C-alpha atoms as a PDB file:
ATOM      1  CA  MET A   1      94.527 110.009 101.228  1.00  0.00           C
ATOM      2  CA  ASP A   2      92.118 109.116  98.436  1.00  0.00           C
ATOM      3  CA  THR A   3      89.206 107.226  99.975  1.00  0.00           C
ATOM      4  CA  ARG A   4      86.828 107.417  97.019  1.00  0.00           C
ATOM      5  CA  PRO A   5      85.376 104.023  96.057  1.00  0.00           C
ATOM      6  CA  LEU A   6      87.465 102.582  93.232  1.00  0.00           C
ATOM      7  CA  PHE A   7      86.022 100.871  90.164  1.00  0.00           C
ATOM      8  CA  LEU A   8      88.809  99.121  88.262  1.00  0.00           C
ATOM      9  CA  ALA A   9      88.448  97.358  84.908  1.00  0.00           C
ATOM     10  CA  ASN A  10      90.880  94.471  84.488  1.00  0.00           C
ATOM     11  CA  TRP A  11      90.856  93.658  80.779  1.00  0.00           C
ATOM     12  CA  LYS A  12      93.403  90.856  81.115  1.00  0.00           C
ATOM     13  CA  MET A  13      94.710  89.737  77.679  1.00  0.00           C
ATOM     14  CA  ASN A  14      91.874  91.317  75.723  1.00  0.00           C
ATOM     15  CA  LEU A  15      91.495  94.408  73.525  1.00  0.00           C
ATOM     16  CA  VAL A  16      94.267  95.368  71.109  1.00  0.00           C
ATOM     17  CA  GLU A  17      95.203  99.046  70.861  1.00  0.00           C
ATOM     18  CA  ALA A  18      92.535  99.949  68.297  1.00  0.00           C
ATOM     19  CA  GLU A  19      89.899  98.282  70.476  1.00  0.00           C
ATOM     20  CA  VAL A  20      91.133 100.186  73.530  1.00  0.00           C
ATOM     21  CA  THR A  21      90.760 103.430  71.599  1.00  0.00           C
ATOM     22  CA  SER A  22      87.244 102.474  70.512  1.00  0.00           C
ATOM     23  CA  PHE A  23      86.263 101.422  74.030  1.00  0.00           C
ATOM     24  CA  LEU A  24      87.490 104.596  75.703  1.00  0.00           C
ATOM     25  CA  THR A  25      85.991 106.852  73.039  1.00  0.00           C
ATOM     26  CA  ARG A  26      82.612 105.315  73.839  1.00  0.00           C
ATOM     27  CA  PHE A  27      83.164 105.021  77.599  1.00  0.00           C
ATOM     28  CA  ILE A  28      84.401 108.502  78.491  1.00  0.00           C
ATOM     29  CA  PRO A  29      81.008 110.214  77.909  1.00  0.00           C
ATOM     30  CA  LEU A  30      79.309 107.479  79.953  1.00  0.00           C
ATOM     31  CA  ALA A  31      81.669 107.557  82.931  1.00  0.00           C
ATOM     32  CA  PRO A  32      80.435 109.003  86.229  1.00  0.00           C
ATOM     33  CA  PRO A  33      81.954 112.206  87.629  1.00  0.00           C
ATOM     34  CA  SER A  34      85.183 111.602  89.520  1.00  0.00           C
ATOM     35  CA  THR A  35      84.097 113.689  92.495  1.00  0.00           C
ATOM     36  CA  ASP A  36      82.758 110.819  94.591  1.00  0.00           C
ATOM     37  CA  ARG A  37      84.355 107.762  92.982  1.00  0.00           C
ATOM     38  CA  ALA A  38      87.557 106.790  91.167  1.00  0.00           C
ATOM     39  CA  VAL A  39      87.493 104.863  87.895  1.00  0.00           C
ATOM     40  CA  ALA A  40      90.489 103.186  86.263  1.00  0.00           C
ATOM     41  CA  VAL A  41      91.114 100.790  83.393  1.00  0.00           C
ATOM     42  CA  ALA A  42      93.892  98.209  83.164  1.00  0.00           C
ATOM     43  CA  PRO A  43      94.730  97.397  79.536  1.00  0.00           C
ATOM     44  CA  SER A  44      97.613  95.199  78.441  1.00  0.00           C
ATOM     45  CA  PHE A  45     101.095  96.724  78.465  1.00  0.00           C
ATOM     46  CA  PRO A  46     101.150  97.773  74.760  1.00  0.00           C
ATOM     47  CA  SER A  47      98.051  99.960  75.200  1.00  0.00           C
ATOM     48  CA  LEU A  48      98.962 101.749  78.428  1.00  0.00           C
ATOM     49  CA  ARG A  49     100.309 104.882  76.743  1.00  0.00           C
ATOM     50  CA  THR A  50      97.312 105.095  74.409  1.00  0.00           C
ATOM     51  CA  ALA A  51      94.924 104.803  77.341  1.00  0.00           C
ATOM     52  CA  SER A  52      96.852 107.412  79.295  1.00  0.00           C
ATOM     53  CA  ILE A  53      96.682 109.914  76.431  1.00  0.00           C
ATOM     54  CA  LEU A  54      92.971 109.349  75.837  1.00  0.00           C
ATOM     55  CA  LEU A  55      92.132 109.682  79.539  1.00  0.00           C
ATOM     56  CA  GLU A  56      94.182 112.818  80.148  1.00  0.00           C
ATOM     57  CA  LYS A  57      92.098 115.510  81.893  1.00  0.00           C
ATOM     58  CA  THR A  58      89.040 113.229  82.106  1.00  0.00           C
ATOM     59  CA  GLY A  59      89.443 112.309  85.779  1.00  0.00           C
ATOM     60  CA  LEU A  60      89.729 108.651  84.750  1.00  0.00           C
ATOM     61  CA  GLU A  61      92.954 106.795  85.483  1.00  0.00           C
ATOM     62  CA  VAL A  62      95.157 104.024  84.132  1.00  0.00           C
ATOM     63  CA  ALA A  63      96.279 100.846  85.885  1.00  0.00           C
ATOM     64  CA  ALA A  64      98.730  98.145  84.893  1.00  0.00           C
ATOM     65  CA  GLN A  65      97.939  94.466  85.313  1.00  0.00           C
ATOM     66  CA  ASP A  66     101.362  93.515  86.672  1.00  0.00           C
ATOM     67  CA  LEU A  67     104.938  94.706  87.113  1.00  0.00           C
ATOM     68  CA  CYS A  68     108.439  93.340  87.553  1.00  0.00           C
ATOM     69  CA  HIS A  69     109.849  93.061  91.060  1.00  0.00           C
ATOM     70  CA  GLU A  70     113.162  94.635  90.001  1.00  0.00           C
ATOM     71  CA  GLU A  71     113.999  98.173  88.887  1.00  0.00           C
ATOM     72  CA  ARG A  72     116.044  97.257  85.805  1.00  0.00           C
ATOM     73  CA  GLY A  73     118.330  94.598  84.366  1.00  0.00           C
ATOM     74  CA  ALA A  74     118.280  91.252  82.578  1.00  0.00           C
ATOM     75  CA  PHE A  75     114.617  90.408  83.094  1.00  0.00           C
ATOM     76  CA  THR A  76     113.375  89.563  79.613  1.00  0.00           C
ATOM     77  CA  GLY A  77     109.744  90.545  79.230  1.00  0.00           C
ATOM     78  CA  GLY A  78     109.721  92.460  82.497  1.00  0.00           C
ATOM     79  CA  VAL A  79     108.188  95.915  82.910  1.00  0.00           C
ATOM     80  CA  SER A  80     109.377  97.970  85.870  1.00  0.00           C
ATOM     81  CA  ALA A  81     107.391 100.273  88.122  1.00  0.00           C
ATOM     82  CA  ALA A  82     109.319 103.264  86.761  1.00  0.00           C
ATOM     83  CA  MET A  83     108.300 102.310  83.220  1.00  0.00           C
ATOM     84  CA  LEU A  84     104.658 102.172  84.282  1.00  0.00           C
ATOM     85  CA  VAL A  85     104.862 105.581  85.919  1.00  0.00           C
ATOM     86  CA  ALA A  86     106.489 106.963  82.763  1.00  0.00           C
ATOM     87  CA  VAL A  87     103.519 105.941  80.602  1.00  0.00           C
ATOM     88  CA  GLY A  88     100.979 107.432  82.998  1.00  0.00           C
ATOM     89  CA  CYS A  89      99.913 104.591  85.286  1.00  0.00           C
ATOM     90  CA  ARG A  90      98.429 105.445  88.680  1.00  0.00           C
ATOM     91  CA  TYR A  91      97.592 101.923  89.863  1.00  0.00           C
ATOM     92  CA  VAL A  92      99.033  98.447  89.404  1.00  0.00           C
ATOM     93  CA  LEU A  93      97.523  95.063  90.213  1.00  0.00           C
ATOM     94  CA  VAL A  94      99.751  92.831  92.322  1.00  0.00           C
ATOM     95  CA  GLY A  95      99.191  89.157  93.087  1.00  0.00           C
ATOM     96  CA  HIS A  96      96.158  88.573  90.876  1.00  0.00           C
ATOM     97  CA  SER A  97      95.057  84.938  91.030  1.00  0.00           C
ATOM     98  CA  ASP A  98      96.034  84.497  87.367  1.00  0.00           C
ATOM     99  CA  ARG A  99      99.595  85.438  88.292  1.00  0.00           C
ATOM    100  CA  ARG A 100      99.578  83.201  91.357  1.00  0.00           C
ATOM    101  CA  GLN A 101      98.198  80.195  89.483  1.00  0.00           C
ATOM    102  CA  ILE A 102      99.472  80.379  85.900  1.00  0.00           C
ATOM    103  CA  TRP A 103     102.850  81.976  86.615  1.00  0.00           C
ATOM    104  CA  ALA A 104     103.279  80.361  90.051  1.00  0.00           C
ATOM    105  CA  GLU A 105     103.988  83.661  91.784  1.00  0.00           C
ATOM    106  CA  ASP A 106     104.544  83.068  95.487  1.00  0.00           C
ATOM    107  CA  ASP A 107     104.138  85.300  98.529  1.00  0.00           C
ATOM    108  CA  GLU A 108     107.795  86.350  98.515  1.00  0.00           C
ATOM    109  CA  LEU A 109     107.686  87.560  94.909  1.00  0.00           C
ATOM    110  CA  ILE A 110     104.391  89.350  95.475  1.00  0.00           C
ATOM    111  CA  GLN A 111     105.870  91.189  98.464  1.00  0.00           C
ATOM    112  CA  ARG A 112     108.798  92.301  96.316  1.00  0.00           C
ATOM    113  CA  LYS A 113     106.383  93.589  93.685  1.00  0.00           C
ATOM    114  CA  MET A 114     104.502  95.525  96.360  1.00  0.00           C
ATOM    115  CA  ARG A 115     107.786  97.090  97.421  1.00  0.00           C
ATOM    116  CA  ALA A 116     108.739  97.910  93.823  1.00  0.00           C
ATOM    117  CA  ALA A 117     105.398  99.632  93.244  1.00  0.00           C
ATOM    118  CA  THR A 118     105.391 101.704  96.418  1.00  0.00           C
ATOM    119  CA  ASP A 119     109.016 102.744  95.932  1.00  0.00           C
ATOM    120  CA  GLN A 120     108.005 104.435  92.659  1.00  0.00           C
ATOM    121  CA  GLY A 121     104.823 106.030  93.967  1.00  0.00           C
ATOM    122  CA  LEU A 122     102.465 103.624  92.215  1.00  0.00           C
ATOM    123  CA  LEU A 123      99.333 102.667  94.082  1.00  0.00           C
ATOM    124  CA  PRO A 124      99.344  98.854  94.273  1.00  0.00           C
ATOM    125  CA  VAL A 125      96.089  96.922  94.455  1.00  0.00           C
ATOM    126  CA  LEU A 126      96.943  93.696  96.261  1.00  0.00           C
ATOM    127  CA  CYS A 127      94.732  90.790  95.180  1.00  0.00           C
ATOM    128  CA  VAL A 128      94.003  87.999  97.658  1.00  0.00           C
ATOM    129  CA  GLY A 129      91.516  85.155  97.770  1.00  0.00           C
ATOM    130  CA  GLU A 130      90.898  81.485  98.372  1.00  0.00           C
ATOM    131  CA  SER A 131      90.211  78.587  96.012  1.00  0.00           C
ATOM    132  CA  ALA A 132      87.000  76.556  95.997  1.00  0.00           C
ATOM    133  CA  GLY A 133      88.744  73.732  97.830  1.00  0.00           C
ATOM    134  CA  GLN A 134      90.068  76.042 100.517  1.00  0.00           C
ATOM    135  CA  ARG A 135      86.616  77.533 101.071  1.00  0.00           C
ATOM    136  CA  GLN A 136      85.064  74.074 101.329  1.00  0.00           C
ATOM    137  CA  GLN A 137      87.682  73.215 103.949  1.00  0.00           C
ATOM    138  CA  GLY A 138      86.744  76.305 105.958  1.00  0.00           C
ATOM    139  CA  ARG A 139      90.168  77.862 105.404  1.00  0.00           C
ATOM    140  CA  THR A 140      89.156  81.166 103.804  1.00  0.00           C
ATOM    141  CA  ALA A 141      90.219  83.371 106.723  1.00  0.00           C
ATOM    142  CA  GLU A 142      93.486  81.474 107.153  1.00  0.00           C
ATOM    143  CA  VAL A 143      94.441  81.679 103.476  1.00  0.00           C
ATOM    144  CA  VAL A 144      93.559  85.344 103.092  1.00  0.00           C
ATOM    145  CA  GLU A 145      95.374  86.325 106.281  1.00  0.00           C
ATOM    146  CA  LYS A 146      98.528  84.524 105.154  1.00  0.00           C
ATOM    147  CA  GLN A 147      98.442  86.265 101.774  1.00  0.00           C
ATOM    148  CA  VAL A 148      97.865  89.704 103.290  1.00  0.00           C
ATOM    149  CA  ARG A 149     100.519  89.410 105.988  1.00  0.00           C
ATOM    150  CA  ALA A 150     103.146  88.105 103.574  1.00  0.00           C
ATOM    151  CA  ALA A 151     102.520  90.744 100.909  1.00  0.00           C
ATOM    152  CA  LEU A 152     102.449  93.672 103.331  1.00  0.00           C
ATOM    153  CA  SER A 153     105.455  92.608 105.391  1.00  0.00           C
ATOM    154  CA  GLY A 154     107.738  95.624 105.623  1.00  0.00           C
ATOM    155  CA  ILE A 155     105.544  97.722 103.317  1.00  0.00           C
ATOM    156  CA  PRO A 156     104.993 101.227 104.744  1.00  0.00           C
ATOM    157  CA  LEU A 157     101.694 103.004 104.254  1.00  0.00           C
ATOM    158  CA  ASP A 158     102.231 106.026 102.020  1.00  0.00           C
ATOM    159  CA  GLU A 159      99.626 108.693 102.737  1.00  0.00           C
ATOM    160  CA  GLU A 160     100.025 110.163  99.248  1.00  0.00           C
ATOM    161  CA  ASN A 161      99.912 106.830  97.406  1.00  0.00           C
ATOM    162  CA  PRO A 162      98.083 104.461  99.744  1.00  0.00           C
ATOM    163  CA  LEU A 163      97.802 100.826  98.814  1.00  0.00           C
ATOM    164  CA  ALA A 164      94.473  99.109  98.237  1.00  0.00           C
ATOM    165  CA  LEU A 165      93.386  95.486  98.421  1.00  0.00           C
ATOM    166  CA  ALA A 166      91.021  93.395  96.343  1.00  0.00           C
ATOM    167  CA  TYR A 167      89.332  90.276  97.641  1.00  0.00           C
ATOM    168  CA  GLU A 168      88.841  88.008  94.638  1.00  0.00           C
ATOM    169  CA  PRO A 169      87.715  84.506  95.590  1.00  0.00           C
ATOM    170  CA  VAL A 170      89.289  82.282  92.959  1.00  0.00           C
ATOM    171  CA  TRP A 171      86.161  80.144  92.713  1.00  0.00           C
ATOM    172  CA  ALA A 172      84.114  83.187  91.665  1.00  0.00           C
ATOM    173  CA  ILE A 173      86.365  84.638  88.962  1.00  0.00           C
ATOM    174  CA  GLY A 174      84.929  84.288  85.476  1.00  0.00           C
ATOM    175  CA  THR A 175      82.394  81.699  86.589  1.00  0.00           C
ATOM    176  CA  GLY A 176      79.308  83.893  86.574  1.00  0.00           C
ATOM    177  CA  ASP A 177      78.714  82.789  90.168  1.00  0.00           C
ATOM    178  CA  GLY A 178      80.203  85.454  92.416  1.00  0.00           C
ATOM    179  CA  ALA A 179      80.234  85.638  96.181  1.00  0.00           C
ATOM    180  CA  SER A 180      77.046  86.942  97.741  1.00  0.00           C
ATOM    181  CA  PRO A 181      77.269  90.430  99.250  1.00  0.00           C
ATOM    182  CA  GLU A 182      77.160  88.832 102.691  1.00  0.00           C
ATOM    183  CA  GLN A 183      79.943  86.352 101.883  1.00  0.00           C
ATOM    184  CA  ALA A 184      82.101  89.120 100.471  1.00  0.00           C
ATOM    185  CA  GLU A 185      81.456  91.457 103.394  1.00  0.00           C
ATOM    186  CA  GLU A 186      82.448  88.775 105.896  1.00  0.00           C
ATOM    187  CA  VAL A 187      85.891  88.430 104.324  1.00  0.00           C
ATOM    188  CA  HIS A 188      86.257  92.174 103.780  1.00  0.00           C
ATOM    189  CA  ARG A 189      85.554  92.753 107.465  1.00  0.00           C
ATOM    190  CA  GLN A 190      88.236  90.209 108.388  1.00  0.00           C
ATOM    191  CA  ILE A 191      90.697  91.959 106.076  1.00  0.00           C
ATOM    192  CA  ARG A 192      89.812  95.329 107.631  1.00  0.00           C
ATOM    193  CA  GLU A 193      90.513  93.977 111.109  1.00  0.00           C
ATOM    194  CA  LEU A 194      93.819  92.563 109.917  1.00  0.00           C
ATOM    195  CA  LEU A 195      94.785  95.890 108.341  1.00  0.00           C
ATOM    196  CA  GLN A 196      93.998  97.622 111.612  1.00  0.00           C
ATOM    197  CA  GLU A 197      96.579  95.383 113.249  1.00  0.00           C
ATOM    198  CA  ILE A 198      99.172  96.039 110.527  1.00  0.00           C
ATOM    199  CA  TYR A 199      98.494  99.778 110.155  1.00  0.00           C
ATOM    200  CA  PRO A 200      96.983 100.885 113.487  1.00  0.00           C
ATOM    201  CA  GLY A 201      94.616 103.811 113.256  1.00  0.00           C
ATOM    202  CA  ARG A 202      94.709 104.010 109.466  1.00  0.00           C
ATOM    203  CA  ALA A 203      92.987 100.855 108.250  1.00  0.00           C
ATOM    204  CA  SER A 204      89.547 102.443 108.059  1.00  0.00           C
ATOM    205  CA  ALA A 205      90.703 104.702 105.220  1.00  0.00           C
ATOM    206  CA  LEU A 206      92.129 101.909 103.061  1.00  0.00           C
ATOM    207  CA  ARG A 207      90.011 100.702 100.166  1.00  0.00           C
ATOM    208  CA  ILE A 208      89.135  97.017  99.881  1.00  0.00           C
ATOM    209  CA  LEU A 209      87.643  96.080  96.508  1.00  0.00           C
ATOM    210  CA  TYR A 210      85.634  92.997  95.649  1.00  0.00           C
ATOM    211  CA  GLY A 211      86.308  91.089  92.437  1.00  0.00           C
ATOM    212  CA  GLY A 212      84.696  87.947  91.076  1.00  0.00           C
ATOM    213  CA  SER A 213      81.922  87.806  88.453  1.00  0.00           C
ATOM    214  CA  VAL A 214      80.828  91.380  89.166  1.00  0.00           C
ATOM    215  CA  THR A 215      77.965  92.576  86.942  1.00  0.00           C
ATOM    216  CA  ALA A 216      75.730  95.624  86.701  1.00  0.00           C
ATOM    217  CA  ASP A 217      73.046  93.575  88.454  1.00  0.00           C
ATOM    218  CA  THR A 218      75.215  92.751  91.486  1.00  0.00           C
ATOM    219  CA  ALA A 219      77.240  95.960  91.825  1.00  0.00           C
ATOM    220  CA  ALA A 220      74.819  97.978  93.957  1.00  0.00           C
ATOM    221  CA  ASP A 221      74.232  95.203  96.499  1.00  0.00           C
ATOM    222  CA  LEU A 222      77.975  94.669  96.829  1.00  0.00           C
ATOM    223  CA  MET A 223      78.662  98.383  97.230  1.00  0.00           C
ATOM    224  CA  ALA A 224      75.981  98.620  99.928  1.00  0.00           C
ATOM    225  CA  GLN A 225      78.227  96.603 102.243  1.00  0.00           C
ATOM    226  CA  PRO A 226      80.169  98.766 104.729  1.00  0.00           C
ATOM    227  CA  ASP A 227      83.587  97.206 104.100  1.00  0.00           C
ATOM    228  CA  ILE A 228      83.382  96.995 100.297  1.00  0.00           C
ATOM    229  CA  ASN A 229      84.972 100.147  98.904  1.00  0.00           C
ATOM    230  CA  GLY A 230      85.110  99.390  95.209  1.00  0.00           C
ATOM    231  CA  LEU A 231      84.918  96.716  92.539  1.00  0.00           C
ATOM    232  CA  LEU A 232      87.530  94.914  90.439  1.00  0.00           C
ATOM    233  CA  VAL A 233      85.680  94.038  87.248  1.00  0.00           C
ATOM    234  CA  GLY A 234      86.726  91.478  84.649  1.00  0.00           C
ATOM    235  CA  THR A 235      84.428  90.216  81.889  1.00  0.00           C
ATOM    236  CA  ALA A 236      81.738  92.830  82.495  1.00  0.00           C
ATOM    237  CA  SER A 237      84.289  95.606  81.941  1.00  0.00           C
ATOM    238  CA  LEU A 238      84.928  94.639  78.316  1.00  0.00           C
ATOM    239  CA  GLU A 239      81.843  96.505  77.084  1.00  0.00           C
ATOM    240  CA  PRO A 240      81.604 100.276  77.689  1.00  0.00           C
ATOM    241  CA  ASP A 241      77.889 100.277  78.537  1.00  0.00           C
ATOM    242  CA  SER A 242      78.265  97.418  80.991  1.00  0.00           C
ATOM    243  CA  PHE A 243      81.258  98.900  82.795  1.00  0.00           C
ATOM    244  CA  ALA A 244      79.660 102.346  82.897  1.00  0.00           C
ATOM    245  CA  ALA A 245      76.543 100.890  84.518  1.00  0.00           C
ATOM    246  CA  ILE A 246      78.704  99.261  87.180  1.00  0.00           C
ATOM    247  CA  CYS A 247      80.653 102.466  87.801  1.00  0.00           C
ATOM    248  CA  ARG A 248      77.413 104.424  88.183  1.00  0.00           C
ATOM    249  CA  CYS A 249      75.876 102.114  90.779  1.00  0.00           C
ATOM    250  CA  PRO A 250      74.675 103.678  94.055  1.00  0.00           C
ATOM    251  CA  LEU A 251      77.403 103.919  96.655  1.00  0.00           C
ATOM    252  CA  GLY A 252      77.236 102.510 100.155  1.00  0.00           C
ATOM    253  CA  SER A 253      78.464 104.163 103.314  1.00  0.00           C
ATOM    254  CA  GLY A 254      82.124 104.049 102.262  1.00  0.00           C
ATOM    255  CA  PRO A 255      85.029 103.138 104.549  1.00  0.00           C
ATOM    256  CA  PRO A 256      83.770 102.592 108.095  1.00  0.00           C
END
């Protein structure tokens, strides 16, 4: 089971294919060795193959930002897990707050996407997190637990392609005001305890990433926390130098 800390760039709907090529050409020489950490980029669907070709034999990997919950059929605009595997994807984001909010994806659909990913050997990164209102109401633990339990219901833990999670408080995404390392660690610890209940004896090896206004200045303090095993990076991943600095930050103790 791969337990290396994971640094994942989520480019969202940014960077056309030529820009992806330019980014990766500049980033590859700056990237840290893959011996003690995993690094992946998640471009938009049209650039996945290009990214996969450019990253071949570099130790860097490709992620997709989403997938369809079905294998094939009349799902206009859908991209299946098998299609993602075919273009070289290793990871796929599932349940990102953008998908939950803008596309109204619910827990049932997210669980089906988790199943679709694992069935094809993709490593899903399940995104969970609370809104500002829910945090103010003191409901963070409740909301996150509900999201985790629903998404992982009936999902086996594949030792070869283990799932990962990403805690991304909605109130911190793209705001420039991320959770403090202590705030993030508190929720990560709760998620770890929940995973221990769902996957007894194996939760300590699962990676839990933090995402939400991550920068090169905050990366090291976040990674120093015992239950933070990687970073899901948005805006700061759009520049090669910035993302490389984040990926090269000192590592903490790793999975407890």
